[in-house]
Amino acid sequence: MGWDGDDVAGKMEEAFERQQAAADARANRGTSSVEERARSAKFESLRLSRSRIMSQLANATNPAYRTMLERALKSINDQMAQ
């Protein structure tokens, strides 16, 4: 398997997001409301879905499947931005 810059960049971004989530969790420990915990859980779910889709996109060769994955990724990114 050769070196893939996009894969490395994606993994670095995921590591950064995990560090940010951990830092946010430490900062909000004991002070989060039910709504904040629900929002955090939804964000984590979106982050994991995004990671899975990026992995599938890196391996996809069928143009129609790639298009579907790209649309799903855009949708997840839009939801994460909210």
PDB file of N, CA and C in Angstrom:
ATOM      1  N   MET A   1       0.853  -1.171   0.000  1.00  0.00           N
ATOM      2  CA  MET A   1       0.000   0.000   0.000  1.00  0.00           C
ATOM      3  C   MET A   1       0.904   1.240   0.000  1.00  0.00           C
ATOM      4  N   GLY A   2       0.632   2.169  -0.896  1.00  0.00           N
ATOM      5  CA  GLY A   2       1.442   3.371  -1.006  1.00  0.00           C
ATOM      6  C   GLY A   2       0.993   4.456  -0.053  1.00  0.00           C
ATOM      7  N   TRP A   3       1.786   5.490  -0.001  1.00  0.00           N
ATOM      8  CA  TRP A   3       1.494   6.628   0.853  1.00  0.00           C
ATOM      9  C   TRP A   3       0.383   7.437   0.216  1.00  0.00           C
ATOM     10  N   ASP A   4      -0.584   7.834   0.995  1.00  0.00           N
ATOM     11  CA  ASP A   4      -1.721   8.600   0.501  1.00  0.00           C
ATOM     12  C   ASP A   4      -1.854   9.859   1.345  1.00  0.00           C
ATOM     13  N   GLY A   5      -1.512  10.998   0.772  1.00  0.00           N
ATOM     14  CA  GLY A   5      -1.527  12.260   1.502  1.00  0.00           C
ATOM     15  C   GLY A   5      -2.884  12.626   2.055  1.00  0.00           C
ATOM     16  N   ASP A   6      -3.950  12.346   1.285  1.00  0.00           N
ATOM     17  CA  ASP A   6      -5.301  12.661   1.759  1.00  0.00           C
ATOM     18  C   ASP A   6      -5.649  11.832   2.982  1.00  0.00           C
ATOM     19  N   ASP A   7      -5.224  10.566   2.974  1.00  0.00           N
ATOM     20  CA  ASP A   7      -5.502   9.695   4.110  1.00  0.00           C
ATOM     21  C   ASP A   7      -4.783  10.208   5.355  1.00  0.00           C
ATOM     22  N   VAL A   8      -3.540  10.614   5.191  1.00  0.00           N
ATOM     23  CA  VAL A   8      -2.763  11.134   6.319  1.00  0.00           C
ATOM     24  C   VAL A   8      -3.402  12.420   6.842  1.00  0.00           C
ATOM     25  N   ALA A   9      -3.781  13.294   5.923  1.00  0.00           N
ATOM     26  CA  ALA A   9      -4.417  14.556   6.335  1.00  0.00           C
ATOM     27  C   ALA A   9      -5.731  14.281   7.063  1.00  0.00           C
ATOM     28  N   GLY A  10      -6.499  13.329   6.571  1.00  0.00           N
ATOM     29  CA  GLY A  10      -7.757  12.975   7.220  1.00  0.00           C
ATOM     30  C   GLY A  10      -7.541  12.437   8.622  1.00  0.00           C
ATOM     31  N   LYS A  11      -6.526  11.606   8.778  1.00  0.00           N
ATOM     32  CA  LYS A  11      -6.231  11.046  10.096  1.00  0.00           C
ATOM     33  C   LYS A  11      -5.757  12.129  11.057  1.00  0.00           C
ATOM     34  N   MET A  12      -4.968  13.073  10.547  1.00  0.00           N
ATOM     35  CA  MET A  12      -4.509  14.175  11.394  1.00  0.00           C
ATOM     36  C   MET A  12      -5.694  15.031  11.833  1.00  0.00           C
ATOM     37  N   GLU A  13      -6.617  15.270  10.910  1.00  0.00           N
ATOM     38  CA  GLU A  13      -7.794  16.068  11.240  1.00  0.00           C
ATOM     39  C   GLU A  13      -8.658  15.348  12.284  1.00  0.00           C
ATOM     40  N   GLU A  14      -8.813  14.035  12.124  1.00  0.00           N
ATOM     41  CA  GLU A  14      -9.592  13.263  13.092  1.00  0.00           C
ATOM     42  C   GLU A  14      -8.947  13.320  14.473  1.00  0.00           C
ATOM     43  N   ALA A  15      -7.623  13.218  14.523  1.00  0.00           N
ATOM     44  CA  ALA A  15      -6.918  13.275  15.806  1.00  0.00           C
ATOM     45  C   ALA A  15      -7.130  14.643  16.458  1.00  0.00           C
ATOM     46  N   PHE A  16      -7.051  15.695  15.662  1.00  0.00           N
ATOM     47  CA  PHE A  16      -7.274  17.037  16.180  1.00  0.00           C
ATOM     48  C   PHE A  16      -8.695  17.178  16.728  1.00  0.00           C
ATOM     49  N   GLU A  17      -9.677  16.647  15.979  1.00  0.00           N
ATOM     50  CA  GLU A  17     -11.062  16.740  16.429  1.00  0.00           C
ATOM     51  C   GLU A  17     -11.271  15.974  17.732  1.00  0.00           C
ATOM     52  N   ARG A  18     -10.628  14.804  17.857  1.00  0.00           N
ATOM     53  CA  ARG A  18     -10.736  14.038  19.105  1.00  0.00           C
ATOM     54  C   ARG A  18     -10.131  14.819  20.266  1.00  0.00           C
ATOM     55  N   GLN A  19      -8.982  15.475  20.017  1.00  0.00           N
ATOM     56  CA  GLN A  19      -8.354  16.272  21.071  1.00  0.00           C
ATOM     57  C   GLN A  19      -9.256  17.433  21.472  1.00  0.00           C
ATOM     58  N   GLN A  20      -9.875  18.073  20.490  1.00  0.00           N
ATOM     59  CA  GLN A  20     -10.780  19.184  20.779  1.00  0.00           C
ATOM     60  C   GLN A  20     -11.981  18.697  21.577  1.00  0.00           C
ATOM     61  N   ALA A  21     -12.539  17.567  21.183  1.00  0.00           N
ATOM     62  CA  ALA A  21     -13.697  17.025  21.893  1.00  0.00           C
ATOM     63  C   ALA A  21     -13.323  16.674  23.329  1.00  0.00           C
ATOM     64  N   ALA A  22     -12.148  16.097  23.524  1.00  0.00           N
ATOM     65  CA  ALA A  22     -11.702  15.746  24.876  1.00  0.00           C
ATOM     66  C   ALA A  22     -11.497  17.010  25.716  1.00  0.00           C
ATOM     67  N   ALA A  23     -10.903  18.029  25.119  1.00  0.00           N
ATOM     68  CA  ALA A  23     -10.686  19.285  25.840  1.00  0.00           C
ATOM     69  C   ALA A  23     -12.022  19.931  26.204  1.00  0.00           C
ATOM     70  N   ASP A  24     -12.963  19.907  25.273  1.00  0.00           N
ATOM     71  CA  ASP A  24     -14.290  20.463  25.551  1.00  0.00           C
ATOM     72  C   ASP A  24     -14.973  19.687  26.668  1.00  0.00           C
ATOM     73  N   ALA A  25     -14.839  18.367  26.640  1.00  0.00           N
ATOM     74  CA  ALA A  25     -15.456  17.534  27.678  1.00  0.00           C
ATOM     75  C   ALA A  25     -14.864  17.841  29.045  1.00  0.00           C
ATOM     76  N   ARG A  26     -13.540  18.010  29.101  1.00  0.00           N
ATOM     77  CA  ARG A  26     -12.900  18.348  30.378  1.00  0.00           C
ATOM     78  C   ARG A  26     -13.348  19.709  30.871  1.00  0.00           C
ATOM     79  N   ALA A  27     -13.473  20.662  29.972  1.00  0.00           N
ATOM     80  CA  ALA A  27     -13.859  22.016  30.357  1.00  0.00           C
ATOM     81  C   ALA A  27     -15.306  22.061  30.849  1.00  0.00           C
ATOM     82  N   ASN A  28     -16.141  21.210  30.303  1.00  0.00           N
ATOM     83  CA  ASN A  28     -17.565  21.235  30.641  1.00  0.00           C
ATOM     84  C   ASN A  28     -17.968  20.152  31.627  1.00  0.00           C
ATOM     85  N   ARG A  29     -17.019  19.425  32.161  1.00  0.00           N
ATOM     86  CA  ARG A  29     -17.330  18.317  33.061  1.00  0.00           C
ATOM     87  C   ARG A  29     -18.135  18.815  34.262  1.00  0.00           C
ATOM     88  N   GLY A  30     -19.273  18.224  34.458  1.00  0.00           N
ATOM     89  CA  GLY A  30     -20.102  18.562  35.605  1.00  0.00           C
ATOM     90  C   GLY A  30     -20.950  19.797  35.417  1.00  0.00           C
ATOM     91  N   THR A  31     -20.741  20.542  34.366  1.00  0.00           N
ATOM     92  CA  THR A  31     -21.502  21.774  34.181  1.00  0.00           C
ATOM     93  C   THR A  31     -22.417  21.699  32.965  1.00  0.00           C
ATOM     94  N   SER A  32     -22.441  20.570  32.277  1.00  0.00           N
ATOM     95  CA  SER A  32     -23.247  20.503  31.061  1.00  0.00           C
ATOM     96  C   SER A  32     -24.688  20.127  31.373  1.00  0.00           C
ATOM     97  N   SER A  33     -25.558  20.724  30.618  1.00  0.00           N
ATOM     98  CA  SER A  33     -26.977  20.435  30.769  1.00  0.00           C
ATOM     99  C   SER A  33     -27.333  19.249  29.882  1.00  0.00           C
ATOM    100  N   VAL A  34     -28.550  18.811  29.999  1.00  0.00           N
ATOM    101  CA  VAL A  34     -29.027  17.700  29.178  1.00  0.00           C
ATOM    102  C   VAL A  34     -28.921  18.064  27.703  1.00  0.00           C
ATOM    103  N   GLU A  35     -29.280  19.306  27.362  1.00  0.00           N
ATOM    104  CA  GLU A  35     -29.224  19.749  25.974  1.00  0.00           C
ATOM    105  C   GLU A  35     -27.789  19.755  25.452  1.00  0.00           C
ATOM    106  N   GLU A  36     -26.864  20.207  26.279  1.00  0.00           N
ATOM    107  CA  GLU A  36     -25.464  20.242  25.860  1.00  0.00           C
ATOM    108  C   GLU A  36     -24.920  18.830  25.650  1.00  0.00           C
ATOM    109  N   ARG A  37     -25.292  17.909  26.524  1.00  0.00           N
ATOM    110  CA  ARG A  37     -24.831  16.524  26.364  1.00  0.00           C
ATOM    111  C   ARG A  37     -25.426  15.902  25.106  1.00  0.00           C
ATOM    112  N   ALA A  38     -26.684  16.200  24.824  1.00  0.00           N
ATOM    113  CA  ALA A  38     -27.334  15.679  23.619  1.00  0.00           C
ATOM    114  C   ALA A  38     -26.664  16.246  22.374  1.00  0.00           C
ATOM    115  N   ARG A  39     -26.348  17.530  22.420  1.00  0.00           N
ATOM    116  CA  ARG A  39     -25.674  18.166  21.281  1.00  0.00           C
ATOM    117  C   ARG A  39     -24.293  17.578  21.085  1.00  0.00           C
ATOM    118  N   SER A  40     -23.598  17.340  22.179  1.00  0.00           N
ATOM    119  CA  SER A  40     -22.266  16.746  22.113  1.00  0.00           C
ATOM    120  C   SER A  40     -22.328  15.327  21.553  1.00  0.00           C
ATOM    121  N   ALA A  41     -23.314  14.565  21.973  1.00  0.00           N
ATOM    122  CA  ALA A  41     -23.473  13.200  21.473  1.00  0.00           C
ATOM    123  C   ALA A  41     -23.790  13.207  19.977  1.00  0.00           C
ATOM    124  N   LYS A  42     -24.623  14.140  19.547  1.00  0.00           N
ATOM    125  CA  LYS A  42     -24.957  14.234  18.125  1.00  0.00           C
ATOM    126  C   LYS A  42     -23.716  14.612  17.323  1.00  0.00           C
ATOM    127  N   PHE A  43     -22.929  15.559  17.822  1.00  0.00           N
ATOM    128  CA  PHE A  43     -21.718  15.970  17.134  1.00  0.00           C
ATOM    129  C   PHE A  43     -20.747  14.792  17.014  1.00  0.00           C
ATOM    130  N   GLU A  44     -20.604  14.017  18.080  1.00  0.00           N
ATOM    131  CA  GLU A  44     -19.708  12.860  18.050  1.00  0.00           C
ATOM    132  C   GLU A  44     -20.204  11.834  17.036  1.00  0.00           C
ATOM    133  N   SER A  45     -21.501  11.625  16.969  1.00  0.00           N
ATOM    134  CA  SER A  45     -22.070  10.711  15.993  1.00  0.00           C
ATOM    135  C   SER A  45     -21.788  11.192  14.571  1.00  0.00           C
ATOM    136  N   LEU A  46     -21.955  12.486  14.346  1.00  0.00           N
ATOM    137  CA  LEU A  46     -21.660  13.057  13.028  1.00  0.00           C
ATOM    138  C   LEU A  46     -20.179  12.925  12.696  1.00  0.00           C
ATOM    139  N   ARG A  47     -19.323  13.133  13.682  1.00  0.00           N
ATOM    140  CA  ARG A  47     -17.885  13.025  13.463  1.00  0.00           C
ATOM    141  C   ARG A  47     -17.504  11.604  13.058  1.00  0.00           C
ATOM    142  N   LEU A  48     -18.093  10.623  13.726  1.00  0.00           N
ATOM    143  CA  LEU A  48     -17.808   9.231  13.385  1.00  0.00           C
ATOM    144  C   LEU A  48     -18.348   8.877  12.001  1.00  0.00           C
ATOM    145  N   SER A  49     -19.526   9.364  11.674  1.00  0.00           N
ATOM    146  CA  SER A  49     -20.087   9.137  10.338  1.00  0.00           C
ATOM    147  C   SER A  49     -19.215   9.775   9.273  1.00  0.00           C
ATOM    148  N   ARG A  50     -18.741  10.965   9.558  1.00  0.00           N
ATOM    149  CA  ARG A  50     -17.859  11.675   8.619  1.00  0.00           C
ATOM    150  C   ARG A  50     -16.580  10.884   8.388  1.00  0.00           C
ATOM    151  N   SER A  51     -16.030  10.363   9.446  1.00  0.00           N
ATOM    152  CA  SER A  51     -14.806   9.568   9.342  1.00  0.00           C
ATOM    153  C   SER A  51     -15.032   8.326   8.487  1.00  0.00           C
ATOM    154  N   ARG A  52     -16.155   7.647   8.724  1.00  0.00           N
ATOM    155  CA  ARG A  52     -16.480   6.442   7.958  1.00  0.00           C
ATOM    156  C   ARG A  52     -16.663   6.773   6.484  1.00  0.00           C
ATOM    157  N   ILE A  53     -17.377   7.855   6.188  1.00  0.00           N
ATOM    158  CA  ILE A  53     -17.627   8.239   4.802  1.00  0.00           C
ATOM    159  C   ILE A  53     -16.324   8.636   4.111  1.00  0.00           C
ATOM    160  N   MET A  54     -15.459   9.347   4.814  1.00  0.00           N
ATOM    161  CA  MET A  54     -14.176   9.723   4.215  1.00  0.00           C
ATOM    162  C   MET A  54     -13.350   8.487   3.877  1.00  0.00           C
ATOM    163  N   SER A  55     -13.392   7.494   4.737  1.00  0.00           N
ATOM    164  CA  SER A  55     -12.678   6.252   4.481  1.00  0.00           C
ATOM    165  C   SER A  55     -13.258   5.547   3.257  1.00  0.00           C
ATOM    166  N   GLN A  56     -14.573   5.478   3.177  1.00  0.00           N
ATOM    167  CA  GLN A  56     -15.212   4.847   2.031  1.00  0.00           C
ATOM    168  C   GLN A  56     -14.934   5.628   0.754  1.00  0.00           C
ATOM    169  N   LEU A  57     -14.911   6.937   0.846  1.00  0.00           N
ATOM    170  CA  LEU A  57     -14.650   7.783  -0.312  1.00  0.00           C
ATOM    171  C   LEU A  57     -13.232   7.572  -0.840  1.00  0.00           C
ATOM    172  N   ALA A  58     -12.297   7.368   0.060  1.00  0.00           N
ATOM    173  CA  ALA A  58     -10.910   7.140  -0.349  1.00  0.00           C
ATOM    174  C   ALA A  58     -10.770   5.852  -1.142  1.00  0.00           C
ATOM    175  N   ASN A  59     -11.648   4.890  -0.899  1.00  0.00           N
ATOM    176  CA  ASN A  59     -11.555   3.596  -1.574  1.00  0.00           C
ATOM    177  C   ASN A  59     -12.548   3.423  -2.720  1.00  0.00           C
ATOM    178  N   ALA A  60     -13.478   4.351  -2.884  1.00  0.00           N
ATOM    179  CA  ALA A  60     -14.529   4.218  -3.891  1.00  0.00           C
ATOM    180  C   ALA A  60     -13.992   4.481  -5.292  1.00  0.00           C
ATOM    181  N   THR A  61     -14.410   3.648  -6.229  1.00  0.00           N
ATOM    182  CA  THR A  61     -13.998   3.824  -7.627  1.00  0.00           C
ATOM    183  C   THR A  61     -15.193   4.099  -8.536  1.00  0.00           C
ATOM    184  N   ASN A  62     -16.376   3.664  -8.140  1.00  0.00           N
ATOM    185  CA  ASN A  62     -17.570   3.877  -8.938  1.00  0.00           C
ATOM    186  C   ASN A  62     -17.976   5.350  -8.857  1.00  0.00           C
ATOM    187  N   PRO A  63     -18.080   6.042 -10.009  1.00  0.00           N
ATOM    188  CA  PRO A  63     -18.403   7.481  -9.988  1.00  0.00           C
ATOM    189  C   PRO A  63     -19.732   7.799  -9.304  1.00  0.00           C
ATOM    190  N   ALA A  64     -20.741   6.972  -9.503  1.00  0.00           N
ATOM    191  CA  ALA A  64     -22.039   7.233  -8.877  1.00  0.00           C
ATOM    192  C   ALA A  64     -21.946   7.081  -7.357  1.00  0.00           C
ATOM    193  N   TYR A  65     -21.211   6.090  -6.910  1.00  0.00           N
ATOM    194  CA  TYR A  65     -21.030   5.868  -5.472  1.00  0.00           C
ATOM    195  C   TYR A  65     -20.227   7.013  -4.858  1.00  0.00           C
ATOM    196  N   ARG A  66     -19.183   7.456  -5.573  1.00  0.00           N
ATOM    197  CA  ARG A  66     -18.380   8.585  -5.091  1.00  0.00           C
ATOM    198  C   ARG A  66     -19.253   9.840  -4.953  1.00  0.00           C
ATOM    199  N   THR A  67     -20.118  10.073  -5.932  1.00  0.00           N
ATOM    200  CA  THR A  67     -21.005  11.232  -5.894  1.00  0.00           C
ATOM    201  C   THR A  67     -21.931  11.156  -4.682  1.00  0.00           C
ATOM    202  N   MET A  68     -22.481   9.964  -4.433  1.00  0.00           N
ATOM    203  CA  MET A  68     -23.354   9.789  -3.281  1.00  0.00           C
ATOM    204  C   MET A  68     -22.596  10.065  -1.975  1.00  0.00           C
ATOM    205  N   LEU A  69     -21.369   9.539  -1.883  1.00  0.00           N
ATOM    206  CA  LEU A  69     -20.570   9.753  -0.676  1.00  0.00           C
ATOM    207  C   LEU A  69     -20.210  11.227  -0.505  1.00  0.00           C
ATOM    208  N   GLU A  70     -19.891  11.901  -1.595  1.00  0.00           N
ATOM    209  CA  GLU A  70     -19.549  13.328  -1.526  1.00  0.00           C
ATOM    210  C   GLU A  70     -20.749  14.144  -1.044  1.00  0.00           C
ATOM    211  N   ARG A  71     -21.941  13.780  -1.506  1.00  0.00           N
ATOM    212  CA  ARG A  71     -23.148  14.479  -1.044  1.00  0.00           C
ATOM    213  C   ARG A  71     -23.390  14.226   0.434  1.00  0.00           C
ATOM    214  N   ALA A  72     -23.191  12.978   0.860  1.00  0.00           N
ATOM    215  CA  ALA A  72     -23.364  12.641   2.276  1.00  0.00           C
ATOM    216  C   ALA A  72     -22.357  13.401   3.129  1.00  0.00           C
ATOM    217  N   LEU A  73     -21.117  13.494   2.656  1.00  0.00           N
ATOM    218  CA  LEU A  73     -20.077  14.216   3.381  1.00  0.00           C
ATOM    219  C   LEU A  73     -20.428  15.696   3.495  1.00  0.00           C
ATOM    220  N   LYS A  74     -20.934  16.275   2.415  1.00  0.00           N
ATOM    221  CA  LYS A  74     -21.328  17.685   2.452  1.00  0.00           C
ATOM    222  C   LYS A  74     -22.458  17.895   3.459  1.00  0.00           C
ATOM    223  N   SER A  75     -23.415  16.984   3.467  1.00  0.00           N
ATOM    224  CA  SER A  75     -24.535  17.086   4.399  1.00  0.00           C
ATOM    225  C   SER A  75     -24.043  17.019   5.847  1.00  0.00           C
ATOM    226  N   ILE A  76     -23.144  16.099   6.112  1.00  0.00           N
ATOM    227  CA  ILE A  76     -22.606  15.973   7.475  1.00  0.00           C
ATOM    228  C   ILE A  76     -21.815  17.217   7.853  1.00  0.00           C
ATOM    229  N   ASN A  77     -21.003  17.719   6.933  1.00  0.00           N
ATOM    230  CA  ASN A  77     -20.227  18.933   7.232  1.00  0.00           C
ATOM    231  C   ASN A  77     -21.154  20.103   7.522  1.00  0.00           C
ATOM    232  N   ASP A  78     -22.263  20.200   6.762  1.00  0.00           N
ATOM    233  CA  ASP A  78     -23.229  21.285   7.004  1.00  0.00           C
ATOM    234  C   ASP A  78     -23.859  21.146   8.390  1.00  0.00           C
ATOM    235  N   GLN A  79     -24.198  19.918   8.773  1.00  0.00           N
ATOM    236  CA  GLN A  79     -24.802  19.704  10.091  1.00  0.00           C
ATOM    237  C   GLN A  79     -23.809  19.993  11.213  1.00  0.00           C
ATOM    238  N   MET A  80     -22.544  19.654  10.989  1.00  0.00           N
ATOM    239  CA  MET A  80     -21.527  19.910  12.014  1.00  0.00           C
ATOM    240  C   MET A  80     -21.254  21.403  12.177  1.00  0.00           C
ATOM    241  N   ALA A  81     -21.457  22.160  11.119  1.00  0.00           N
ATOM    242  CA  ALA A  81     -21.204  23.599  11.170  1.00  0.00           C
ATOM    243  C   ALA A  81     -22.294  24.338  11.964  1.00  0.00           C
ATOM    244  N   GLN A  82     -23.431  23.714  12.127  1.00  0.00           N
ATOM    245  CA  GLN A  82     -24.544  24.380  12.827  1.00  0.00           C
ATOM    246  C   GLN A  82     -24.336  24.394  14.307  1.00  0.00           C
TER     247      GLN A  82
END
